[in-house]
């Protein structure tokens, strides 16, 4: 059966993302748009719009325009929004790069996306420079300045005219974040201007923001959740975004207290700290009205503990990069819906639940793989038609790889995953990537990676390793150290088990179910 949103469809205008966000900026020009949490440095809406306009002019002056890709490797700052939207206004595509990536990972994304410029900060140059060199990117702009590099102030000083670029919102790619999708290595997710515009407007009945709200942006802007739900949705509604460059609990609590932020968007690990850490009692969090959790499932009991301690509403949503990103959420004003669910289907979408084994559609109360269709479904994976075809069917439904169940109220709960992807603290960890890396070790003959639960219930990557003959001295610490040298911290292998052979099917596919049946090791 086809499942639909209880909300009426919303109108989606045929405009680009900058057109949508800055159309009425004059009416709120003096209002703070973004505030840097650590320093208090503020960009008003008028200043933001002017800076976006100037950067677009500077990029056009450098020959950047439609079809070009700009990379951003930066923590959250108010100027992230300037670069992001300035590039879009110039007609370019933005690929947002994980700020934790190693030089190898940054270079891989720059190369795969075809980026011609990279924006970064001086503290990241030790990774950005070698990555850019490897990828053949010669134009590296350092936002806060560094010898030998253009800085943002120089670009914003250009006298050039703002370009007029003809874009088709339904076709032209606005952003190119990277996701592992339902399985495999990270792929460029092609999101059009229409995808992003549509999802922002689909979320309006749920998040219910206005110019009086102050939204804390601790979720990284390079992640689709931070980019769209935190940054862009707040800017659409004239709210003020308080940026944090990274998560630190004491600083996180200080910023909420000092700036009186009433909306805080998080991933579940932060909810654990808010529910249990004694430091929380040292700060005045009385301004907080809504806590929204996403990126991984939030336990209902944990949500209740946070609500009880902080006295605020707690909500949960569901989505994925390929959905721009939100498909489900609990509306801010619906206290009658269980926070243990991911909520209702957003407007303008249809969904199905399909039995993974039989391919038959199932109804309420019966688990099935969640399929979603709507204007927020990605255009596809960059240069990867096979992966695109495996994810989006001929009827336009995106197969999420998550198993869900829907109740009689229309609320969905995610109960399992068809896909092999590991979710560690809200970050995607593709087993195939770690397996490929492990096989480059001279002492490893074969390897497989699955997600297991640690003592706190967090899913972590565990490697099953077959040693090469003569490599008997290779231990778990050595394997974990090797992986840690080559990947971002959240991708690290945190448990290792040595076995005689990796179980595989006749076709050579790893039998992960057999590995999951083995005793789960406690992560080191």
Protein backbone atom coordinates (compact mmCIF):
# COMPACT_ATOMS: atom_id res chain seq x y z
CA UNK A 1 0.00 0.00 0.00
CA UNK A 2 1.15 3.55 -0.72
CA UNK A 3 1.49 5.64 2.43
CA UNK A 4 1.06 9.41 2.30
CA UNK A 5 1.64 12.35 4.59
CA UNK A 6 -1.29 13.59 6.71
CA UNK A 7 -0.19 17.10 5.70
CA UNK A 8 -1.36 18.78 2.51
CA UNK A 9 1.26 19.22 -0.19
CA UNK A 10 3.18 22.48 -0.08
CA UNK A 11 3.89 24.64 -3.10
CA UNK A 12 7.46 24.37 -4.35
CA UNK A 13 8.55 27.43 -6.37
CA UNK A 14 10.84 27.09 -9.35
CA UNK A 15 13.75 28.98 -7.78
CA UNK A 16 17.35 28.39 -6.75
CA UNK A 17 18.33 28.01 -3.11
CA UNK A 18 19.86 31.54 -2.82
CA UNK A 19 16.73 32.99 -4.43
CA UNK A 20 14.58 31.28 -1.81
CA UNK A 21 16.69 32.25 1.20
CA UNK A 22 17.52 35.87 0.31
CA UNK A 23 14.42 37.03 -1.58
CA UNK A 24 13.12 39.20 1.29
CA UNK A 25 16.39 39.87 3.06
CA UNK A 26 15.83 43.64 3.09
CA UNK A 27 12.98 43.20 5.56
CA UNK A 28 15.34 41.60 8.11
CA UNK A 29 18.63 43.22 7.14
CA UNK A 30 19.46 44.37 10.68
CA UNK A 31 18.59 41.07 12.36
CA UNK A 32 21.49 38.77 13.37
CA UNK A 33 21.76 35.89 10.90
CA UNK A 34 24.80 34.07 12.29
CA UNK A 35 26.77 34.52 15.50
CA UNK A 36 30.08 32.82 16.20
CA UNK A 37 29.56 31.15 19.59
CA UNK A 38 33.17 31.36 20.85
CA UNK A 39 33.82 35.00 19.87
CA UNK A 40 30.40 36.59 19.51
CA UNK A 41 31.27 37.86 16.02
CA UNK A 42 27.98 38.56 14.25
CA UNK A 43 26.77 38.71 10.66
CA UNK A 44 23.42 40.40 10.17
CA UNK A 45 21.16 39.28 7.35
CA UNK A 46 22.12 42.39 5.42
CA UNK A 47 25.83 41.70 5.88
CA UNK A 48 25.38 38.05 4.99
CA UNK A 49 23.53 38.84 1.77
CA UNK A 50 26.11 41.45 0.80
CA UNK A 51 29.00 39.05 1.46
CA UNK A 52 27.31 36.28 -0.51
CA UNK A 53 26.85 38.72 -3.40
CA UNK A 54 30.53 39.82 -3.27
CA UNK A 55 31.86 36.28 -3.11
CA UNK A 56 29.78 35.27 -6.12
CA UNK A 57 31.29 38.22 -7.98
CA UNK A 58 34.83 37.24 -6.93
CA UNK A 59 34.32 33.65 -8.02
CA UNK A 60 32.96 34.73 -11.39
CA UNK A 61 35.99 37.00 -11.73
CA UNK A 62 38.18 33.88 -11.26
CA UNK A 63 36.25 32.06 -13.97
CA UNK A 64 34.14 29.94 -11.63
CA UNK A 65 30.58 29.33 -12.72
CA UNK A 66 28.00 26.80 -13.76
CA UNK A 67 29.41 23.28 -13.85
CA UNK A 68 32.35 24.02 -11.55
CA UNK A 69 32.72 22.40 -8.13
CA UNK A 70 33.94 24.22 -5.02
CA UNK A 71 35.12 22.29 -1.97
CA UNK A 72 34.68 23.51 1.62
CA UNK A 73 36.83 22.03 4.39
CA UNK A 74 36.00 24.07 7.46
CA UNK A 75 34.41 23.89 10.90
CA UNK A 76 31.18 25.77 11.56
CA UNK A 77 31.65 29.54 11.43
CA UNK A 78 29.38 32.32 10.16
CA UNK A 79 31.59 32.52 7.06
CA UNK A 80 30.79 28.95 6.09
CA UNK A 81 27.39 30.27 5.02
CA UNK A 82 29.04 33.05 3.01
CA UNK A 83 31.18 30.61 1.02
CA UNK A 84 28.40 28.07 0.64
CA UNK A 85 25.80 30.48 -0.71
CA UNK A 86 28.26 32.66 -2.58
CA UNK A 87 29.36 29.64 -4.60
CA UNK A 88 25.75 28.70 -5.32
CA UNK A 89 24.94 32.25 -6.40
CA UNK A 90 27.87 32.06 -8.83
CA UNK A 91 26.27 28.96 -10.34
CA UNK A 92 28.82 26.53 -8.93
CA UNK A 93 28.25 23.29 -7.05
CA UNK A 94 29.49 22.95 -3.46
CA UNK A 95 31.00 19.73 -2.17
CA UNK A 96 31.13 19.83 1.63
CA UNK A 97 34.04 17.88 3.12
CA UNK A 98 34.11 16.24 6.54
CA UNK A 99 36.31 18.38 8.78
CA UNK A 100 37.74 15.22 10.40
CA UNK A 101 38.99 13.73 7.14
CA UNK A 102 42.61 12.75 6.64
CA UNK A 103 44.58 14.19 3.68
CA UNK A 104 43.91 10.97 1.76
CA UNK A 105 40.17 11.23 2.30
CA UNK A 106 40.06 14.94 1.42
CA UNK A 107 42.06 14.29 -1.75
CA UNK A 108 39.75 11.44 -2.71
CA UNK A 109 36.65 13.64 -2.47
CA UNK A 110 38.28 16.55 -4.29
CA UNK A 111 39.34 14.22 -7.09
CA UNK A 112 36.07 12.35 -7.38
CA UNK A 113 33.98 15.53 -7.34
CA UNK A 114 36.24 17.30 -9.84
CA UNK A 115 36.66 20.30 -7.53
CA UNK A 116 38.65 23.25 -8.91
CA UNK A 117 38.85 25.31 -5.71
CA UNK A 118 39.10 24.55 -2.01
CA UNK A 119 38.08 26.84 0.87
CA UNK A 120 39.58 26.01 4.25
CA UNK A 121 41.04 27.54 7.42
CA UNK A 122 44.67 27.94 8.48
CA UNK A 123 44.37 25.25 11.19
CA UNK A 124 43.45 22.71 8.51
CA UNK A 125 46.26 23.54 6.08
CA UNK A 126 48.36 20.59 7.23
CA UNK A 127 45.69 18.39 5.65
CA UNK A 128 44.30 20.71 2.99
CA UNK A 129 47.62 21.45 1.26
CA UNK A 130 48.71 17.84 0.60
CA UNK A 131 45.16 16.88 -0.31
CA UNK A 132 44.86 19.73 -2.82
CA UNK A 133 48.24 18.88 -4.32
CA UNK A 134 47.26 15.24 -4.73
CA UNK A 135 43.95 16.21 -6.35
CA UNK A 136 45.50 18.85 -8.58
CA UNK A 137 43.62 21.72 -6.96
CA UNK A 138 45.87 24.77 -7.14
CA UNK A 139 43.42 27.41 -5.88
CA UNK A 140 43.20 27.07 -2.09
CA UNK A 141 41.53 29.96 -0.25
CA UNK A 142 42.22 30.22 3.48
CA UNK A 143 39.31 31.97 5.15
CA UNK A 144 41.32 33.43 8.04
CA UNK A 145 44.48 33.99 6.02
CA UNK A 146 47.82 32.21 5.52
CA UNK A 147 50.97 33.15 3.65
CA UNK A 148 50.79 32.22 0.00
CA UNK A 149 46.99 31.93 -0.05
CA UNK A 150 44.13 34.27 -0.87
CA UNK A 151 41.90 35.00 2.11
CA UNK A 152 38.17 35.63 2.25
CA UNK A 153 38.52 39.37 2.92
CA UNK A 154 40.46 39.80 -0.32
CA UNK A 155 37.76 38.06 -2.32
CA UNK A 156 34.99 40.11 -0.70
CA UNK A 157 36.79 43.33 -1.66
CA UNK A 158 36.32 42.72 -5.39
CA UNK A 159 34.70 45.53 -7.40
CA UNK A 160 33.43 43.01 -9.96
CA UNK A 161 29.75 42.74 -10.79
CA UNK A 162 27.60 39.96 -9.41
CA UNK A 163 27.10 37.36 -12.15
CA UNK A 164 23.73 36.57 -13.64
CA UNK A 165 23.69 32.83 -14.12
CA UNK A 166 20.88 30.95 -15.84
CA UNK A 167 20.17 27.85 -13.78
CA UNK A 168 17.46 25.23 -14.02
CA UNK A 169 16.60 24.47 -10.36
CA UNK A 170 15.26 21.03 -11.26
CA UNK A 171 18.41 20.00 -13.12
CA UNK A 172 21.45 21.95 -11.92
CA UNK A 173 23.31 20.45 -8.98
CA UNK A 174 23.61 22.72 -5.95
CA UNK A 175 25.49 20.52 -3.50
CA UNK A 176 27.52 17.35 -3.67
CA UNK A 177 27.85 15.87 -0.19
CA UNK A 178 29.27 12.36 0.09
CA UNK A 179 27.37 9.41 1.46
CA UNK A 180 27.78 5.66 1.45
CA UNK A 181 24.09 5.27 0.70
CA UNK A 182 22.79 1.80 1.44
CA UNK A 183 26.18 0.13 1.10
CA UNK A 184 29.72 0.48 -0.25
CA UNK A 185 32.19 3.33 -0.45
CA UNK A 186 31.25 7.01 -0.21
CA UNK A 187 29.61 8.43 -3.32
CA UNK A 188 28.82 11.97 -4.41
CA UNK A 189 25.11 12.65 -3.83
CA UNK A 190 23.80 15.01 -6.49
CA UNK A 191 21.23 17.32 -4.92
CA UNK A 192 19.63 19.90 -7.17
CA UNK A 193 18.47 23.34 -6.12
CA UNK A 194 14.91 22.01 -6.32
CA UNK A 195 15.75 19.09 -4.01
CA UNK A 196 17.01 21.48 -1.33
CA UNK A 197 14.27 24.07 -1.81
CA UNK A 198 11.60 21.37 -1.68
CA UNK A 199 12.87 19.80 1.52
CA UNK A 200 13.15 23.13 3.32
CA UNK A 201 9.54 23.91 2.49
CA UNK A 202 8.40 20.36 3.30
CA UNK A 203 9.84 20.88 6.77
CA UNK A 204 7.96 24.12 7.47
CA UNK A 205 4.89 22.49 9.10
CA UNK A 206 7.20 20.47 11.37
CA UNK A 207 9.94 22.79 12.65
CA UNK A 208 7.81 25.94 12.88
CA UNK A 209 10.62 28.52 13.10
CA UNK A 210 10.43 32.30 12.97
CA UNK A 211 12.64 35.33 13.47
CA UNK A 212 12.46 35.09 17.25
CA UNK A 213 14.19 31.71 17.40
CA UNK A 214 17.87 31.16 18.16
CA UNK A 215 19.22 27.90 16.76
CA UNK A 216 22.42 26.27 17.99
CA UNK A 217 24.58 24.94 15.17
CA UNK A 218 26.87 22.38 16.74
CA UNK A 219 26.05 19.80 14.08
CA UNK A 220 28.63 20.30 11.32
CA UNK A 221 27.52 22.17 8.22
CA UNK A 222 29.41 19.66 6.07
CA UNK A 223 26.81 17.07 7.13
CA UNK A 224 23.45 17.33 5.37
CA UNK A 225 21.65 17.57 8.75
CA UNK A 226 23.69 20.58 9.80
CA UNK A 227 23.62 22.09 6.32
CA UNK A 228 19.89 21.92 5.66
CA UNK A 229 18.02 21.46 8.94
CA UNK A 230 20.21 23.77 11.00
CA UNK A 231 21.73 26.39 8.70
CA UNK A 232 19.45 26.72 5.69
CA UNK A 233 16.11 26.19 7.40
CA UNK A 234 16.97 28.79 10.03
CA UNK A 235 18.05 31.29 7.36
CA UNK A 236 14.83 30.66 5.43
CA UNK A 237 12.79 31.69 8.45
CA UNK A 238 14.88 34.63 9.60
CA UNK A 239 16.09 32.91 12.77
CA UNK A 240 19.54 33.46 14.29
CA UNK A 241 22.13 30.67 14.01
CA UNK A 242 24.75 30.38 16.77
CA UNK A 243 27.73 28.46 15.38
CA UNK A 244 30.11 26.16 17.24
CA UNK A 245 33.28 24.86 15.51
CA UNK A 246 33.20 21.54 17.39
CA UNK A 247 31.41 19.81 20.23
CA UNK A 248 32.72 20.34 23.74
CA UNK A 249 30.17 19.77 26.48
CA UNK A 250 31.13 22.70 28.70
CA UNK A 251 31.29 25.10 25.74
CA UNK A 252 28.05 23.66 24.34
CA UNK A 253 26.26 24.35 27.62
CA UNK A 254 27.84 27.80 27.95
CA UNK A 255 26.68 28.83 24.48
CA UNK A 256 23.12 27.67 25.14
CA UNK A 257 23.07 29.60 28.42
CA UNK A 258 24.79 32.77 27.22
CA UNK A 259 22.99 33.16 23.90
CA UNK A 260 19.65 31.87 25.20
CA UNK A 261 19.29 29.42 22.34
CA UNK A 262 15.80 27.93 22.29
CA UNK A 263 16.36 25.36 19.50
CA UNK A 264 19.15 22.80 19.71
CA UNK A 265 19.64 20.13 17.06
CA UNK A 266 21.74 17.14 18.05
CA UNK A 267 22.63 13.49 17.45
CA UNK A 268 21.78 10.90 20.17
CA UNK A 269 25.24 10.82 21.88
CA UNK A 270 24.68 14.44 22.98
CA UNK A 271 21.33 13.44 24.46
CA UNK A 272 23.15 10.95 26.69
CA UNK A 273 25.31 13.75 28.12
CA UNK A 274 22.30 16.02 28.61
CA UNK A 275 20.48 13.28 30.50
CA UNK A 276 23.32 12.09 32.71
CA UNK A 277 26.30 14.45 32.98
CA UNK A 278 26.56 16.43 36.25
CA UNK A 279 28.01 19.45 34.40
CA UNK A 280 24.55 20.18 32.98
CA UNK A 281 23.37 21.38 36.40
CA UNK A 282 25.92 24.21 36.37
CA UNK A 283 24.26 26.09 33.49
CA UNK A 284 20.99 27.96 33.00
CA UNK A 285 19.32 26.14 30.11
CA UNK A 286 15.88 27.56 30.78
CA UNK A 287 15.67 29.22 27.35
CA UNK A 288 15.75 25.82 25.63
CA UNK A 289 12.32 24.97 24.23
CA UNK A 290 12.96 22.24 21.63
CA UNK A 291 15.64 19.59 21.26
CA UNK A 292 15.60 17.81 17.88
CA UNK A 293 17.55 14.57 17.46
CA UNK A 294 18.49 12.96 14.17
CA UNK A 295 21.25 11.06 12.31
CA UNK A 296 20.66 7.89 14.39
CA UNK A 297 17.80 6.38 16.41
CA UNK A 298 16.94 8.06 19.74
CA UNK A 299 15.74 5.75 22.51
CA UNK A 300 12.36 6.75 23.95
CA UNK A 301 13.55 6.36 27.56
CA UNK A 302 16.57 8.55 26.87
CA UNK A 303 14.34 11.17 25.29
CA UNK A 304 12.09 11.11 28.35
CA UNK A 305 15.09 11.53 30.67
CA UNK A 306 16.27 14.60 28.73
CA UNK A 307 12.78 16.09 28.70
CA UNK A 308 12.42 15.56 32.43
CA UNK A 309 15.80 17.08 33.27
CA UNK A 310 15.68 20.09 30.95
CA UNK A 311 11.95 20.75 30.81
CA UNK A 312 11.93 21.07 27.01
CA UNK A 313 10.20 19.25 24.20
CA UNK A 314 12.23 16.47 22.59
CA UNK A 315 11.59 15.50 18.99
CA UNK A 316 13.07 13.00 16.55
CA UNK A 317 13.28 12.86 12.78
CA UNK A 318 14.53 10.58 10.04
CA UNK A 319 16.27 11.13 6.77
CA UNK A 320 19.37 10.51 4.72
CA UNK A 321 21.62 12.57 2.49
CA UNK A 322 19.88 11.15 -0.58
CA UNK A 323 16.58 12.66 0.68
CA UNK A 324 17.93 16.23 1.09
CA UNK A 325 17.70 14.98 3.95
CA UNK A 326 14.39 14.75 5.88
CA UNK A 327 11.51 12.42 5.06
CA UNK A 328 9.95 11.99 8.52
CA UNK A 329 9.71 14.02 11.73
CA UNK A 330 7.58 14.64 14.78
CA UNK A 331 6.04 18.13 14.50
CA UNK A 332 7.20 20.58 17.17
CA UNK A 333 3.65 21.02 18.48
CA UNK A 334 2.59 17.34 18.56
CA UNK A 335 3.02 16.22 22.15
CA UNK A 336 0.63 13.33 21.51
CA UNK A 337 3.07 11.40 19.29
CA UNK A 338 5.63 9.02 20.73
CA UNK A 339 9.17 10.40 20.65
CA UNK A 340 10.33 6.81 20.25
CA UNK A 341 9.17 7.03 16.63
CA UNK A 342 10.68 9.11 13.84
CA UNK A 343 7.29 10.67 13.26
CA UNK A 344 5.12 11.41 10.27
CA UNK A 345 5.88 11.50 6.58
CA UNK A 346 6.59 15.05 5.36
CA UNK A 347 4.32 16.62 2.70
CA UNK A 348 4.74 15.97 -1.03
CA UNK A 349 5.99 12.44 -0.46
CA UNK A 350 4.78 8.89 -0.84
CA UNK A 351 6.23 5.89 0.95
CA UNK A 352 6.01 2.12 0.89
CA UNK A 353 7.11 -0.59 3.28
CA UNK A 354 8.33 -3.64 1.37
CA UNK A 355 9.23 -7.06 2.70
CA UNK A 356 12.95 -7.44 1.83
CA UNK A 357 12.61 -11.16 1.23
CA UNK A 358 9.40 -11.37 -0.80
CA UNK A 359 9.28 -7.91 -2.37
CA UNK A 360 5.63 -7.62 -1.29
CA UNK A 361 4.28 -4.39 0.15
CA UNK A 362 3.21 -4.60 3.80
CA UNK A 363 0.79 -2.57 5.90
CA UNK A 364 0.67 -1.06 9.40
CA UNK A 365 2.35 -3.05 12.13
CA UNK A 366 4.45 -5.15 9.75
CA UNK A 367 8.17 -4.35 9.25
CA UNK A 368 9.40 -3.64 5.75
CA UNK A 369 12.14 -1.75 3.94
CA UNK A 370 11.24 1.92 3.71
CA UNK A 371 10.90 3.30 0.18
CA UNK A 372 10.34 7.04 -0.32
CA UNK A 373 9.35 9.10 -3.37
CA UNK A 374 9.16 12.88 -3.58
CA UNK A 375 10.77 16.09 -4.88
CA UNK A 376 13.51 15.77 -2.26
CA UNK A 377 14.88 12.51 -3.71
CA UNK A 378 18.38 13.05 -5.10
CA UNK A 379 19.15 13.28 -8.79
CA UNK A 380 21.53 10.33 -8.37
CA UNK A 381 25.10 9.43 -7.48
CA UNK A 382 27.87 11.27 -9.30
CA UNK A 383 29.31 9.21 -12.18
CA UNK A 384 27.76 6.07 -10.76
CA UNK A 385 24.64 5.03 -12.72
CA UNK A 386 24.82 1.49 -11.36
CA UNK A 387 24.58 2.63 -7.73
CA UNK A 388 21.85 5.11 -8.69
CA UNK A 389 19.79 2.40 -10.39
CA UNK A 390 20.23 0.14 -7.36
CA UNK A 391 18.91 2.87 -5.06
CA UNK A 392 16.13 4.59 -7.05
CA UNK A 393 13.68 2.33 -8.89
CA UNK A 394 11.84 3.00 -12.13
CA UNK A 395 8.86 4.45 -10.23
CA UNK A 396 11.08 7.01 -8.50
CA UNK A 397 11.12 5.37 -5.07
CA UNK A 398 14.38 5.62 -3.17
CA UNK A 399 15.14 2.38 -1.34
CA UNK A 400 16.50 3.55 2.00
CA UNK A 401 17.91 0.23 3.21
CA UNK A 402 16.22 0.82 6.58
CA UNK A 403 13.51 -1.46 7.91
CA UNK A 404 10.60 0.45 9.42
CA UNK A 405 7.10 -0.14 10.77
CA UNK A 406 4.19 2.29 10.68
CA UNK A 407 1.43 2.49 13.30
CA UNK A 408 -2.22 3.45 12.92
CA UNK A 409 -1.40 7.13 13.59
CA UNK A 410 0.95 7.17 10.61
CA UNK A 411 4.07 7.33 12.79
CA UNK A 412 7.09 5.40 11.52
CA UNK A 413 9.66 3.60 13.66
CA UNK A 414 13.00 2.43 12.26
CA UNK A 415 13.62 -1.05 13.64
CA UNK A 416 16.50 -2.51 11.61
CA UNK A 417 18.71 -2.06 8.57
CA UNK A 418 18.87 -4.02 5.37
CA UNK A 419 22.00 -2.17 4.46
CA UNK A 420 25.42 -2.94 5.86
CA UNK A 421 26.32 0.61 6.78
CA UNK A 422 27.56 1.19 10.33
CA UNK A 423 26.25 4.28 12.13
CA UNK A 424 28.79 5.45 14.75
CA UNK A 425 27.62 8.47 16.76
CA UNK A 426 25.50 9.55 13.78
CA UNK A 427 28.36 9.25 11.26
CA UNK A 428 28.27 6.75 8.41
CA UNK A 429 31.04 4.16 8.39
CA UNK A 430 31.02 2.01 5.24
CA UNK A 431 32.43 -1.48 5.95
CA UNK A 432 33.67 -1.80 2.36
CA UNK A 433 35.97 1.19 2.79
CA UNK A 434 37.56 -0.22 5.93
CA UNK A 435 37.85 -3.67 4.39
CA UNK A 436 39.66 -2.27 1.36
CA UNK A 437 42.05 -0.40 3.65
CA UNK A 438 42.73 -3.45 5.84
CA UNK A 439 43.63 -5.51 2.79
CA UNK A 440 46.48 -3.10 2.00
CA UNK A 441 48.24 -4.18 5.22
CA UNK A 442 51.05 -6.59 4.42
CA UNK A 443 50.17 -8.78 7.40
CA UNK A 444 46.46 -9.19 6.55
CA UNK A 445 45.28 -11.88 4.15
CA UNK A 446 41.56 -11.16 4.36
CA UNK A 447 39.22 -9.00 6.42
CA UNK A 448 35.59 -8.15 7.03
CA UNK A 449 33.98 -5.40 9.09
CA UNK A 450 30.60 -5.30 10.79
CA UNK A 451 28.91 -3.10 13.38
CA UNK A 452 28.67 -4.40 16.94
CA UNK A 453 27.39 -2.83 20.14
CA UNK A 454 29.84 -1.65 22.77
CA UNK A 455 29.22 -1.48 26.52
CA UNK A 456 27.25 1.80 26.12
CA UNK A 457 25.09 0.37 23.33
CA UNK A 458 26.85 2.42 20.62
CA UNK A 459 27.38 0.72 17.26
CA UNK A 460 31.11 0.49 16.53
CA UNK A 461 33.18 -1.03 13.69
CA UNK A 462 34.63 -4.45 14.46
CA UNK A 463 37.15 -6.10 12.13
CA UNK A 464 37.48 -9.81 11.59
CA UNK A 465 41.01 -10.41 10.36
CA UNK A 466 42.81 -13.34 8.74
CA UNK A 467 46.56 -13.02 9.25
CA UNK A 468 49.05 -13.63 6.44
CA UNK A 469 51.38 -16.60 7.01
CA UNK A 470 54.31 -15.34 9.05
CA UNK A 471 52.34 -12.41 10.51
CA UNK A 472 51.50 -14.14 13.77
CA UNK A 473 52.88 -11.16 15.71
CA UNK A 474 50.18 -8.86 14.31
CA UNK A 475 47.84 -8.00 17.17
CA UNK A 476 44.58 -6.15 17.62
CA UNK A 477 46.35 -2.94 18.67
CA UNK A 478 48.44 -3.02 15.52
CA UNK A 479 45.39 -3.44 13.31
CA UNK A 480 43.52 -0.60 15.02
CA UNK A 481 46.55 1.69 14.86
CA UNK A 482 46.99 0.98 11.15
CA UNK A 483 43.39 1.93 10.38
CA UNK A 484 43.54 5.01 12.60
CA UNK A 485 46.47 6.37 10.56
CA UNK A 486 44.38 6.47 7.40
CA UNK A 487 40.83 7.42 8.35
CA UNK A 488 38.87 10.04 10.26
CA UNK A 489 38.50 9.29 13.99
CA UNK A 490 34.86 8.17 13.74
CA UNK A 491 35.81 5.48 11.20
CA UNK A 492 38.37 3.80 13.43
CA UNK A 493 38.11 0.07 14.02
CA UNK A 494 37.37 -0.34 17.73
CA UNK A 495 37.42 -4.13 18.09
CA UNK A 496 39.38 -6.86 16.31
CA UNK A 497 38.93 -10.61 16.20
CA UNK A 498 41.37 -12.89 14.41
CA UNK A 499 39.80 -15.84 12.59
CA UNK A 500 40.97 -18.57 10.20
CA UNK A 501 38.74 -17.59 7.27
CA UNK A 502 36.12 -14.97 6.38
CA UNK A 503 32.77 -16.69 5.74
CA UNK A 504 31.65 -16.06 2.15
CA UNK A 505 28.96 -17.19 -0.23
CA UNK A 506 29.68 -19.11 -3.42
CA UNK A 507 29.73 -15.80 -5.26
CA UNK A 508 32.34 -14.41 -2.87
CA UNK A 509 30.01 -12.13 -0.88
CA UNK A 510 30.90 -11.79 2.80
CA UNK A 511 28.35 -13.56 4.99
CA UNK A 512 28.00 -10.87 7.60
CA UNK A 513 25.18 -12.70 9.35
CA UNK A 514 27.62 -15.49 10.18
CA UNK A 515 30.01 -12.93 11.64
CA UNK A 516 27.26 -11.33 13.71
CA UNK A 517 26.47 -14.72 15.16
CA UNK A 518 29.95 -14.93 16.63
CA UNK A 519 30.66 -13.68 20.12
CA UNK A 520 30.78 -9.88 20.20
CA UNK A 521 34.09 -8.57 21.45
CA UNK A 522 34.23 -5.56 23.76
CA UNK A 523 35.86 -2.65 21.88
CA UNK A 524 39.34 -1.68 22.97
